[in-house]
């Protein structure tokens, strides 16, 4: 008999976009959006910010596979995260299951 193990996060793949948004009377924000599709329902997607003290911060995209019943249908997802643009930001680095991506930051 084996003990129940919690699901472990795995790197996830997606397409990314980043947008720098001005904030009235505040520090601009950079929004990172990930969009993709999972083979079934029930996946939980999350960004993780690297603990390295670099600017701009680096991120990775992860998911947890479902552990219970799922619907066997392609399931799109969208996930975003945000950080303060304390200085000029031209690109953001994201690591996922497909590798390392440098995503250009667009301004609103």
PDB file of N, CA and C in Angstrom:
ATOM      1  N   UNK A   1       0.840  -1.170   0.000  1.00  0.00           N
ATOM      2  CA  UNK A   1       0.000   0.000   0.000  1.00  0.00           C
ATOM      3  C   UNK A   1       0.894   1.245   0.000  1.00  0.00           C
ATOM      4  N   UNK A   2       0.615   2.201  -0.880  1.00  0.00           N
ATOM      5  CA  UNK A   2       1.422   3.415  -0.941  1.00  0.00           C
ATOM      6  C   UNK A   2       0.657   4.569  -0.321  1.00  0.00           C
ATOM      7  N   UNK A   3       1.387   5.482   0.258  1.00  0.00           N
ATOM      8  CA  UNK A   3       0.773   6.669   0.855  1.00  0.00           C
ATOM      9  C   UNK A   3       0.293   7.607  -0.250  1.00  0.00           C
ATOM     10  N   UNK A   4      -0.774   8.323   0.023  1.00  0.00           N
ATOM     11  CA  UNK A   4      -1.288   9.289  -0.941  1.00  0.00           C
ATOM     12  C   UNK A   4      -0.281  10.423  -1.101  1.00  0.00           C
ATOM     13  N   UNK A   5       0.061  10.734  -2.340  1.00  0.00           N
ATOM     14  CA  UNK A   5       0.986  11.829  -2.603  1.00  0.00           C
ATOM     15  C   UNK A   5       0.220  12.978  -3.240  1.00  0.00           C
ATOM     16  N   UNK A   6       0.543  14.186  -2.807  1.00  0.00           N
ATOM     17  CA  UNK A   6      -0.064  15.367  -3.398  1.00  0.00           C
ATOM     18  C   UNK A   6       0.476  15.540  -4.806  1.00  0.00           C
ATOM     19  N   UNK A   7      -0.338  16.090  -5.700  1.00  0.00           N
ATOM     20  CA  UNK A   7       0.170  16.324  -7.049  1.00  0.00           C
ATOM     21  C   UNK A   7       1.322  17.330  -7.020  1.00  0.00           C
ATOM     22  N   UNK A   8       2.267  17.137  -7.904  1.00  0.00           N
ATOM     23  CA  UNK A   8       3.419  18.033  -7.975  1.00  0.00           C
ATOM     24  C   UNK A   8       3.255  18.954  -9.183  1.00  0.00           C
ATOM     25  N   UNK A   9       3.591  20.235  -9.006  1.00  0.00           N
ATOM     26  CA  UNK A   9       3.513  21.147 -10.153  1.00  0.00           C
ATOM     27  C   UNK A   9       4.490  20.730 -11.249  1.00  0.00           C
ATOM     28  N   UNK A  10       4.088  20.952 -12.490  1.00  0.00           N
ATOM     29  CA  UNK A  10       4.933  20.701 -13.655  1.00  0.00           C
ATOM     30  C   UNK A  10       4.954  21.972 -14.487  1.00  0.00           C
ATOM     31  N   UNK A  11       6.055  22.178 -15.223  1.00  0.00           N
ATOM     32  CA  UNK A  11       6.089  23.318 -16.125  1.00  0.00           C
ATOM     33  C   UNK A  11       4.997  23.169 -17.170  1.00  0.00           C
ATOM     34  N   UNK A  12       4.383  24.276 -17.520  1.00  0.00           N
ATOM     35  CA  UNK A  12       3.262  24.345 -18.449  1.00  0.00           C
ATOM     36  C   UNK A  12       3.722  25.130 -19.678  1.00  0.00           C
ATOM     37  N   UNK A  13       3.088  24.947 -20.827  1.00  0.00           N
ATOM     38  CA  UNK A  13       3.400  25.713 -22.035  1.00  0.00           C
ATOM     39  C   UNK A  13       2.257  26.661 -22.355  1.00  0.00           C
ATOM     40  N   UNK A  14       2.615  27.826 -22.917  1.00  0.00           N
ATOM     41  CA  UNK A  14       1.594  28.815 -23.274  1.00  0.00           C
ATOM     42  C   UNK A  14       2.179  29.798 -24.272  1.00  0.00           C
ATOM     43  N   UNK A  15       1.329  30.708 -24.721  1.00  0.00           N
ATOM     44  CA  UNK A  15       1.764  31.867 -25.499  1.00  0.00           C
ATOM     45  C   UNK A  15       1.642  33.071 -24.572  1.00  0.00           C
ATOM     46  N   UNK A  16       2.563  34.028 -24.709  1.00  0.00           N
ATOM     47  CA  UNK A  16       2.640  35.126 -23.756  1.00  0.00           C
ATOM     48  C   UNK A  16       2.506  36.478 -24.423  1.00  0.00           C
ATOM     49  N   UNK A  17       1.957  37.423 -23.674  1.00  0.00           N
ATOM     50  CA  UNK A  17       1.975  38.824 -24.069  1.00  0.00           C
ATOM     51  C   UNK A  17       2.242  39.631 -22.808  1.00  0.00           C
ATOM     52  N   UNK A  18       2.880  40.784 -22.976  1.00  0.00           N
ATOM     53  CA  UNK A  18       3.161  41.660 -21.839  1.00  0.00           C
ATOM     54  C   UNK A  18       2.783  43.081 -22.218  1.00  0.00           C
ATOM     55  N   UNK A  19       2.211  43.790 -21.271  1.00  0.00           N
ATOM     56  CA  UNK A  19       1.779  45.164 -21.505  1.00  0.00           C
ATOM     57  C   UNK A  19       2.135  46.024 -20.307  1.00  0.00           C
ATOM     58  N   UNK A  20       2.782  47.154 -20.580  1.00  0.00           N
ATOM     59  CA  UNK A  20       3.075  48.141 -19.537  1.00  0.00           C
ATOM     60  C   UNK A  20       1.901  49.115 -19.498  1.00  0.00           C
ATOM     61  N   UNK A  21       1.306  49.252 -18.315  1.00  0.00           N
ATOM     62  CA  UNK A  21       0.104  50.062 -18.145  1.00  0.00           C
ATOM     63  C   UNK A  21       0.411  51.234 -17.211  1.00  0.00           C
ATOM     64  N   UNK A  22       0.161  52.478 -17.656  1.00  0.00           N
ATOM     65  CA  UNK A  22       0.373  53.611 -16.754  1.00  0.00           C
ATOM     66  C   UNK A  22      -0.657  53.600 -15.630  1.00  0.00           C
ATOM     67  N   UNK A  23      -0.234  54.070 -14.469  1.00  0.00           N
ATOM     68  CA  UNK A  23      -1.127  54.155 -13.310  1.00  0.00           C
ATOM     69  C   UNK A  23      -1.145  55.616 -12.861  1.00  0.00           C
ATOM     70  N   UNK A  24      -2.330  56.252 -12.826  1.00  0.00           N
ATOM     71  CA  UNK A  24      -2.370  57.650 -12.390  1.00  0.00           C
ATOM     72  C   UNK A  24      -1.757  57.804 -10.992  1.00  0.00           C
ATOM     73  N   UNK A  25      -0.838  58.735 -10.876  1.00  0.00           N
ATOM     74  CA  UNK A  25      -0.187  59.033  -9.593  1.00  0.00           C
ATOM     75  C   UNK A  25       0.462  57.807  -8.954  1.00  0.00           C
ATOM     76  N   UNK A  26       0.990  56.903  -9.772  1.00  0.00           N
ATOM     77  CA  UNK A  26       1.624  55.715  -9.208  1.00  0.00           C
ATOM     78  C   UNK A  26       2.659  55.131 -10.151  1.00  0.00           C
ATOM     79  N   UNK A  27       3.238  54.012  -9.747  1.00  0.00           N
ATOM     80  CA  UNK A  27       4.253  53.319 -10.537  1.00  0.00           C
ATOM     81  C   UNK A  27       3.544  52.502 -11.622  1.00  0.00           C
ATOM     82  N   UNK A  28       3.981  52.614 -12.891  1.00  0.00           N
ATOM     83  CA  UNK A  28       3.363  51.797 -13.946  1.00  0.00           C
ATOM     84  C   UNK A  28       3.460  50.311 -13.605  1.00  0.00           C
ATOM     85  N   UNK A  29       2.556  49.529 -14.148  1.00  0.00           N
ATOM     86  CA  UNK A  29       2.515  48.079 -13.925  1.00  0.00           C
ATOM     87  C   UNK A  29       2.786  47.359 -15.237  1.00  0.00           C
ATOM     88  N   UNK A  30       3.437  46.202 -15.145  1.00  0.00           N
ATOM     89  CA  UNK A  30       3.609  45.329 -16.305  1.00  0.00           C
ATOM     90  C   UNK A  30       2.758  44.092 -16.067  1.00  0.00           C
ATOM     91  N   UNK A  31       1.820  43.855 -16.983  1.00  0.00           N
ATOM     92  CA  UNK A  31       0.955  42.680 -16.922  1.00  0.00           C
ATOM     93  C   UNK A  31       1.502  41.630 -17.878  1.00  0.00           C
ATOM     94  N   UNK A  32       1.646  40.409 -17.395  1.00  0.00           N
ATOM     95  CA  UNK A  32       2.066  39.270 -18.215  1.00  0.00           C
ATOM     96  C   UNK A  32       0.867  38.334 -18.328  1.00  0.00           C
ATOM     97  N   UNK A  33       0.502  38.017 -19.560  1.00  0.00           N
ATOM     98  CA  UNK A  33      -0.637  37.130 -19.795  1.00  0.00           C
ATOM     99  C   UNK A  33      -0.156  35.862 -20.491  1.00  0.00           C
ATOM    100  N   UNK A  34      -0.605  34.713 -19.985  1.00  0.00           N
ATOM    101  CA  UNK A  34      -0.323  33.410 -20.596  1.00  0.00           C
ATOM    102  C   UNK A  34      -1.640  32.825 -21.084  1.00  0.00           C
ATOM    103  N   UNK A  35      -1.641  32.344 -22.320  1.00  0.00           N
ATOM    104  CA  UNK A  35      -2.838  31.692 -22.865  1.00  0.00           C
ATOM    105  C   UNK A  35      -2.428  30.366 -23.474  1.00  0.00           C
ATOM    106  N   UNK A  36      -3.247  29.360 -23.231  1.00  0.00           N
ATOM    107  CA  UNK A  36      -2.954  28.045 -23.772  1.00  0.00           C
ATOM    108  C   UNK A  36      -4.166  27.136 -23.679  1.00  0.00           C
ATOM    109  N   UNK A  37      -3.931  25.851 -23.931  1.00  0.00           N
ATOM    110  CA  UNK A  37      -5.004  24.856 -23.918  1.00  0.00           C
ATOM    111  C   UNK A  37      -4.497  23.592 -23.231  1.00  0.00           C
ATOM    112  N   UNK A  38      -5.338  23.036 -22.352  1.00  0.00           N
ATOM    113  CA  UNK A  38      -5.039  21.744 -21.728  1.00  0.00           C
ATOM    114  C   UNK A  38      -5.904  20.663 -22.373  1.00  0.00           C
ATOM    115  N   UNK A  39      -5.458  19.400 -22.316  1.00  0.00           N
ATOM    116  CA  UNK A  39      -6.202  18.322 -22.975  1.00  0.00           C
ATOM    117  C   UNK A  39      -7.503  17.927 -22.270  1.00  0.00           C
ATOM    118  N   UNK A  40      -7.640  18.318 -21.001  1.00  0.00           N
ATOM    119  CA  UNK A  40      -8.861  18.020 -20.242  1.00  0.00           C
ATOM    120  C   UNK A  40      -9.161  19.205 -19.332  1.00  0.00           C
ATOM    121  N   UNK A  41     -10.293  19.159 -18.675  1.00  0.00           N
ATOM    122  CA  UNK A  41     -10.606  20.161 -17.656  1.00  0.00           C
ATOM    123  C   UNK A  41      -9.827  19.828 -16.388  1.00  0.00           C
ATOM    124  N   UNK A  42      -9.847  20.732 -15.423  1.00  0.00           N
ATOM    125  CA  UNK A  42      -9.320  20.438 -14.094  1.00  0.00           C
ATOM    126  C   UNK A  42      -7.897  20.850 -13.807  1.00  0.00           C
ATOM    127  N   UNK A  43      -7.178  21.396 -14.785  1.00  0.00           N
ATOM    128  CA  UNK A  43      -5.808  21.844 -14.522  1.00  0.00           C
ATOM    129  C   UNK A  43      -5.833  23.155 -13.751  1.00  0.00           C
ATOM    130  N   UNK A  44      -4.860  23.330 -12.851  1.00  0.00           N
ATOM    131  CA  UNK A  44      -4.690  24.588 -12.134  1.00  0.00           C
ATOM    132  C   UNK A  44      -3.377  25.202 -12.624  1.00  0.00           C
ATOM    133  N   UNK A  45      -3.444  26.439 -13.141  1.00  0.00           N
ATOM    134  CA  UNK A  45      -2.282  27.110 -13.735  1.00  0.00           C
ATOM    135  C   UNK A  45      -1.829  28.239 -12.820  1.00  0.00           C
ATOM    136  N   UNK A  46      -0.493  28.417 -12.680  1.00  0.00           N
ATOM    137  CA  UNK A  46       0.016  29.493 -11.840  1.00  0.00           C
ATOM    138  C   UNK A  46       1.362  29.999 -12.353  1.00  0.00           C
ATOM    139  N   UNK A  47       1.599  31.290 -12.164  1.00  0.00           N
ATOM    140  CA  UNK A  47       2.917  31.871 -12.394  1.00  0.00           C
ATOM    141  C   UNK A  47       3.717  31.755 -11.101  1.00  0.00           C
ATOM    142  N   UNK A  48       5.021  31.637 -11.239  1.00  0.00           N
ATOM    143  CA  UNK A  48       5.930  31.671 -10.095  1.00  0.00           C
ATOM    144  C   UNK A  48       7.012  32.700 -10.402  1.00  0.00           C
ATOM    145  N   UNK A  49       7.218  33.654  -9.478  1.00  0.00           N
ATOM    146  CA  UNK A  49       8.274  34.642  -9.655  1.00  0.00           C
ATOM    147  C   UNK A  49       9.551  34.101  -9.058  1.00  0.00           C
ATOM    148  N   UNK A  50      10.630  34.179  -9.818  1.00  0.00           N
ATOM    149  CA  UNK A  50      11.929  33.706  -9.357  1.00  0.00           C
ATOM    150  C   UNK A  50      12.360  34.476  -8.113  1.00  0.00           C
ATOM    151  N   UNK A  51      12.993  33.798  -7.152  1.00  0.00           N
ATOM    152  CA  UNK A  51      13.480  34.486  -5.961  1.00  0.00           C
ATOM    153  C   UNK A  51      14.746  35.315  -6.231  1.00  0.00           C
ATOM    154  N   UNK A  52      15.324  35.201  -7.443  1.00  0.00           N
ATOM    155  CA  UNK A  52      16.522  35.989  -7.759  1.00  0.00           C
ATOM    156  C   UNK A  52      16.184  37.475  -7.713  1.00  0.00           C
ATOM    157  N   UNK A  53      17.084  38.252  -7.152  1.00  0.00           N
ATOM    158  CA  UNK A  53      16.878  39.692  -7.015  1.00  0.00           C
ATOM    159  C   UNK A  53      17.371  40.382  -8.284  1.00  0.00           C
ATOM    160  N   UNK A  54      16.544  40.319  -9.358  1.00  0.00           N
ATOM    161  CA  UNK A  54      16.876  40.947 -10.636  1.00  0.00           C
ATOM    162  C   UNK A  54      15.688  41.792 -11.090  1.00  0.00           C
ATOM    163  N   UNK A  55      15.972  42.768 -11.942  1.00  0.00           N
ATOM    164  CA  UNK A  55      14.891  43.543 -12.539  1.00  0.00           C
ATOM    165  C   UNK A  55      15.105  43.566 -14.035  1.00  0.00           C
ATOM    166  N   UNK A  56      14.081  43.301 -14.817  1.00  0.00           N
ATOM    167  CA  UNK A  56      12.748  42.922 -14.345  1.00  0.00           C
ATOM    168  C   UNK A  56      12.765  41.509 -13.766  1.00  0.00           C
ATOM    169  N   UNK A  57      11.781  41.227 -12.908  1.00  0.00           N
ATOM    170  CA  UNK A  57      11.726  39.882 -12.325  1.00  0.00           C
ATOM    171  C   UNK A  57      11.530  38.817 -13.408  1.00  0.00           C
ATOM    172  N   UNK A  58      11.982  37.609 -13.125  1.00  0.00           N
ATOM    173  CA  UNK A  58      11.805  36.485 -14.046  1.00  0.00           C
ATOM    174  C   UNK A  58      10.695  35.590 -13.516  1.00  0.00           C
ATOM    175  N   UNK A  59       9.981  34.948 -14.436  1.00  0.00           N
ATOM    176  CA  UNK A  59       8.831  34.133 -14.064  1.00  0.00           C
ATOM    177  C   UNK A  59       8.906  32.764 -14.718  1.00  0.00           C
ATOM    178  N   UNK A  60       8.184  31.817 -14.140  1.00  0.00           N
ATOM    179  CA  UNK A  60       7.968  30.515 -14.766  1.00  0.00           C
ATOM    180  C   UNK A  60       6.466  30.223 -14.693  1.00  0.00           C
ATOM    181  N   UNK A  61       5.988  29.389 -15.618  1.00  0.00           N
ATOM    182  CA  UNK A  61       4.574  29.028 -15.667  1.00  0.00           C
ATOM    183  C   UNK A  61       4.442  27.547 -15.355  1.00  0.00           C
ATOM    184  N   UNK A  62       3.564  27.226 -14.400  1.00  0.00           N
ATOM    185  CA  UNK A  62       3.389  25.861 -13.900  1.00  0.00           C
ATOM    186  C   UNK A  62       1.924  25.467 -13.941  1.00  0.00           C
ATOM    187  N   UNK A  63       1.687  24.170 -13.903  1.00  0.00           N
ATOM    188  CA  UNK A  63       0.315  23.697 -13.704  1.00  0.00           C
ATOM    189  C   UNK A  63       0.313  22.448 -12.835  1.00  0.00           C
ATOM    190  N   UNK A  64      -0.841  22.226 -12.215  1.00  0.00           N
ATOM    191  CA  UNK A  64      -1.110  20.988 -11.477  1.00  0.00           C
ATOM    192  C   UNK A  64      -2.106  20.194 -12.296  1.00  0.00           C
ATOM    193  N   UNK A  65      -1.777  18.939 -12.542  1.00  0.00           N
ATOM    194  CA  UNK A  65      -2.714  18.071 -13.262  1.00  0.00           C
ATOM    195  C   UNK A  65      -3.896  17.756 -12.356  1.00  0.00           C
ATOM    196  N   UNK A  66      -5.067  17.548 -12.952  1.00  0.00           N
ATOM    197  CA  UNK A  66      -6.231  17.210 -12.134  1.00  0.00           C
ATOM    198  C   UNK A  66      -6.064  15.840 -11.476  1.00  0.00           C
ATOM    199  N   UNK A  67      -6.642  15.699 -10.281  1.00  0.00           N
ATOM    200  CA  UNK A  67      -6.535  14.429  -9.561  1.00  0.00           C
ATOM    201  C   UNK A  67      -7.863  13.691  -9.495  1.00  0.00           C
ATOM    202  N   UNK A  68      -8.945  14.352  -9.816  1.00  0.00           N
ATOM    203  CA  UNK A  68     -10.258  13.724  -9.753  1.00  0.00           C
ATOM    204  C   UNK A  68     -10.841  13.557 -11.139  1.00  0.00           C
ATOM    205  N   UNK A  69     -12.147  13.386 -11.195  1.00  0.00           N
ATOM    206  CA  UNK A  69     -12.817  13.247 -12.491  1.00  0.00           C
ATOM    207  C   UNK A  69     -12.639  14.506 -13.332  1.00  0.00           C
ATOM    208  N   UNK A  70     -12.490  14.325 -14.641  1.00  0.00           N
ATOM    209  CA  UNK A  70     -12.321  15.448 -15.560  1.00  0.00           C
ATOM    210  C   UNK A  70     -13.228  15.261 -16.769  1.00  0.00           C
ATOM    211  N   UNK A  71     -13.459  16.353 -17.455  1.00  0.00           N
ATOM    212  CA  UNK A  71     -14.170  16.310 -18.731  1.00  0.00           C
ATOM    213  C   UNK A  71     -13.114  16.185 -19.819  1.00  0.00           C
ATOM    214  N   UNK A  72     -13.269  15.188 -20.683  1.00  0.00           N
ATOM    215  CA  UNK A  72     -12.292  14.923 -21.732  1.00  0.00           C
ATOM    216  C   UNK A  72     -12.545  15.852 -22.919  1.00  0.00           C
ATOM    217  N   UNK A  73     -12.218  17.128 -22.714  1.00  0.00           N
ATOM    218  CA  UNK A  73     -12.428  18.129 -23.752  1.00  0.00           C
ATOM    219  C   UNK A  73     -11.293  19.152 -23.666  1.00  0.00           C
ATOM    220  N   UNK A  74     -10.830  19.644 -24.817  1.00  0.00           N
ATOM    221  CA  UNK A  74      -9.799  20.675 -24.815  1.00  0.00           C
ATOM    222  C   UNK A  74     -10.299  21.872 -24.019  1.00  0.00           C
ATOM    223  N   UNK A  75      -9.477  22.345 -23.084  1.00  0.00           N
ATOM    224  CA  UNK A  75      -9.899  23.402 -22.167  1.00  0.00           C
ATOM    225  C   UNK A  75      -8.913  24.571 -22.229  1.00  0.00           C
ATOM    226  N   UNK A  76      -9.343  25.705 -22.815  1.00  0.00           N
ATOM    227  CA  UNK A  76      -8.460  26.871 -22.868  1.00  0.00           C
ATOM    228  C   UNK A  76      -8.251  27.479 -21.482  1.00  0.00           C
ATOM    229  N   UNK A  77      -7.107  28.131 -21.306  1.00  0.00           N
ATOM    230  CA  UNK A  77      -6.856  28.845 -20.059  1.00  0.00           C
ATOM    231  C   UNK A  77      -6.198  30.190 -20.360  1.00  0.00           C
ATOM    232  N   UNK A  78      -6.409  31.124 -19.460  1.00  0.00           N
ATOM    233  CA  UNK A  78      -5.728  32.417 -19.453  1.00  0.00           C
ATOM    234  C   UNK A  78      -5.332  32.698 -18.019  1.00  0.00           C
ATOM    235  N   UNK A  79      -4.086  33.076 -17.815  1.00  0.00           N
ATOM    236  CA  UNK A  79      -3.587  33.394 -16.477  1.00  0.00           C
ATOM    237  C   UNK A  79      -2.730  34.642 -16.601  1.00  0.00           C
ATOM    238  N   UNK A  80      -2.777  35.518 -15.598  1.00  0.00           N
ATOM    239  CA  UNK A  80      -1.902  36.682 -15.651  1.00  0.00           C
ATOM    240  C   UNK A  80      -1.266  36.939 -14.302  1.00  0.00           C
ATOM    241  N   UNK A  81      -0.173  37.688 -14.357  1.00  0.00           N
ATOM    242  CA  UNK A  81       0.508  38.171 -13.172  1.00  0.00           C
ATOM    243  C   UNK A  81       0.952  39.594 -13.473  1.00  0.00           C
ATOM    244  N   UNK A  82       1.369  40.325 -12.460  1.00  0.00           N
ATOM    245  CA  UNK A  82       1.712  41.736 -12.624  1.00  0.00           C
ATOM    246  C   UNK A  82       2.881  42.097 -11.703  1.00  0.00           C
ATOM    247  N   UNK A  83       3.685  43.077 -12.137  1.00  0.00           N
ATOM    248  CA  UNK A  83       4.730  43.617 -11.265  1.00  0.00           C
ATOM    249  C   UNK A  83       4.891  45.104 -11.551  1.00  0.00           C
ATOM    250  N   UNK A  84       5.487  45.826 -10.593  1.00  0.00           N
ATOM    251  CA  UNK A  84       5.729  47.264 -10.734  1.00  0.00           C
ATOM    252  C   UNK A  84       6.888  47.513 -11.694  1.00  0.00           C
ATOM    253  N   UNK A  85       6.689  48.447 -12.630  1.00  0.00           N
ATOM    254  CA  UNK A  85       7.749  48.839 -13.562  1.00  0.00           C
ATOM    255  C   UNK A  85       8.498  50.019 -12.961  1.00  0.00           C
ATOM    256  N   UNK A  86       9.358  49.728 -11.979  1.00  0.00           N
ATOM    257  CA  UNK A  86      10.100  50.764 -11.260  1.00  0.00           C
ATOM    258  C   UNK A  86      11.134  51.448 -12.145  1.00  0.00           C
ATOM    259  N   UNK A  87      11.528  50.774 -13.231  1.00  0.00           N
ATOM    260  CA  UNK A  87      12.450  51.329 -14.217  1.00  0.00           C
ATOM    261  C   UNK A  87      11.988  50.859 -15.593  1.00  0.00           C
ATOM    262  N   UNK A  88      12.712  51.260 -16.626  1.00  0.00           N
ATOM    263  CA  UNK A  88      12.334  50.886 -17.992  1.00  0.00           C
ATOM    264  C   UNK A  88      12.374  49.364 -18.142  1.00  0.00           C
ATOM    265  N   UNK A  89      11.360  48.812 -18.808  1.00  0.00           N
ATOM    266  CA  UNK A  89      11.270  47.366 -19.041  1.00  0.00           C
ATOM    267  C   UNK A  89      11.049  47.142 -20.535  1.00  0.00           C
ATOM    268  N   UNK A  90      11.985  46.443 -21.184  1.00  0.00           N
ATOM    269  CA  UNK A  90      11.847  46.177 -22.619  1.00  0.00           C
ATOM    270  C   UNK A  90      11.402  44.744 -22.891  1.00  0.00           C
ATOM    271  N   UNK A  91      11.888  43.807 -22.071  1.00  0.00           N
ATOM    272  CA  UNK A  91      11.501  42.405 -22.222  1.00  0.00           C
ATOM    273  C   UNK A  91      11.322  41.777 -20.845  1.00  0.00           C
ATOM    274  N   UNK A  92      10.560  40.687 -20.834  1.00  0.00           N
ATOM    275  CA  UNK A  92      10.369  39.885 -19.626  1.00  0.00           C
ATOM    276  C   UNK A  92      10.746  38.454 -19.981  1.00  0.00           C
ATOM    277  N   UNK A  93      11.444  37.777 -19.070  1.00  0.00           N
ATOM    278  CA  UNK A  93      11.858  36.396 -19.307  1.00  0.00           C
ATOM    279  C   UNK A  93      10.931  35.433 -18.580  1.00  0.00           C
ATOM    280  N   UNK A  94      10.457  34.425 -19.331  1.00  0.00           N
ATOM    281  CA  UNK A  94       9.548  33.420 -18.777  1.00  0.00           C
ATOM    282  C   UNK A  94      10.075  32.039 -19.160  1.00  0.00           C
ATOM    283  N   UNK A  95      10.104  31.135 -18.184  1.00  0.00           N
ATOM    284  CA  UNK A  95      10.493  29.746 -18.429  1.00  0.00           C
ATOM    285  C   UNK A  95       9.241  28.894 -18.357  1.00  0.00           C
ATOM    286  N   UNK A  96       9.077  27.995 -19.345  1.00  0.00           N
ATOM    287  CA  UNK A  96       7.954  27.058 -19.317  1.00  0.00           C
ATOM    288  C   UNK A  96       8.413  25.714 -19.873  1.00  0.00           C
ATOM    289  N   UNK A  97       7.481  24.808 -20.116  1.00  0.00           N
ATOM    290  CA  UNK A  97       7.825  23.460 -20.573  1.00  0.00           C
ATOM    291  C   UNK A  97       8.519  23.469 -21.935  1.00  0.00           C
ATOM    292  N   UNK A  98       8.323  24.524 -22.730  1.00  0.00           N
ATOM    293  CA  UNK A  98       8.943  24.620 -24.056  1.00  0.00           C
ATOM    294  C   UNK A  98      10.308  25.309 -24.007  1.00  0.00           C
ATOM    295  N   UNK A  99      10.713  25.822 -22.834  1.00  0.00           N
ATOM    296  CA  UNK A  99      12.019  26.465 -22.724  1.00  0.00           C
ATOM    297  C   UNK A  99      11.939  27.865 -22.153  1.00  0.00           C
ATOM    298  N   UNK A 100      12.915  28.686 -22.529  1.00  0.00           N
ATOM    299  CA  UNK A 100      13.050  30.052 -22.029  1.00  0.00           C
ATOM    300  C   UNK A 100      12.575  31.016 -23.117  1.00  0.00           C
ATOM    301  N   UNK A 101      11.720  31.971 -22.723  1.00  0.00           N
ATOM    302  CA  UNK A 101      11.171  32.943 -23.677  1.00  0.00           C
ATOM    303  C   UNK A 101      11.500  34.359 -23.221  1.00  0.00           C
ATOM    304  N   UNK A 102      11.896  35.216 -24.153  1.00  0.00           N
ATOM    305  CA  UNK A 102      12.033  36.652 -23.900  1.00  0.00           C
ATOM    306  C   UNK A 102      10.863  37.302 -24.624  1.00  0.00           C
ATOM    307  N   UNK A 103       9.977  37.938 -23.853  1.00  0.00           N
ATOM    308  CA  UNK A 103       8.756  38.510 -24.406  1.00  0.00           C
ATOM    309  C   UNK A 103       8.878  40.033 -24.377  1.00  0.00           C
ATOM    310  N   UNK A 104       8.688  40.659 -25.540  1.00  0.00           N
ATOM    311  CA  UNK A 104       8.741  42.120 -25.624  1.00  0.00           C
ATOM    312  C   UNK A 104       7.582  42.745 -24.863  1.00  0.00           C
ATOM    313  N   UNK A 105       7.869  43.842 -24.155  1.00  0.00           N
ATOM    314  CA  UNK A 105       6.862  44.560 -23.385  1.00  0.00           C
ATOM    315  C   UNK A 105       6.322  45.691 -24.261  1.00  0.00           C
ATOM    316  N   UNK A 106       5.014  45.696 -24.454  1.00  0.00           N
ATOM    317  CA  UNK A 106       4.343  46.761 -25.193  1.00  0.00           C
ATOM    318  C   UNK A 106       3.764  47.760 -24.206  1.00  0.00           C
ATOM    319  N   UNK A 107       3.705  49.027 -24.597  1.00  0.00           N
ATOM    320  CA  UNK A 107       3.140  50.057 -23.726  1.00  0.00           C
ATOM    321  C   UNK A 107       1.734  50.418 -24.178  1.00  0.00           C
ATOM    322  N   UNK A 108       0.870  50.691 -23.212  1.00  0.00           N
ATOM    323  CA  UNK A 108      -0.469  51.174 -23.538  1.00  0.00           C
ATOM    324  C   UNK A 108      -0.430  52.647 -23.786  1.00  0.00           C
TER     325      UNK A 108
END
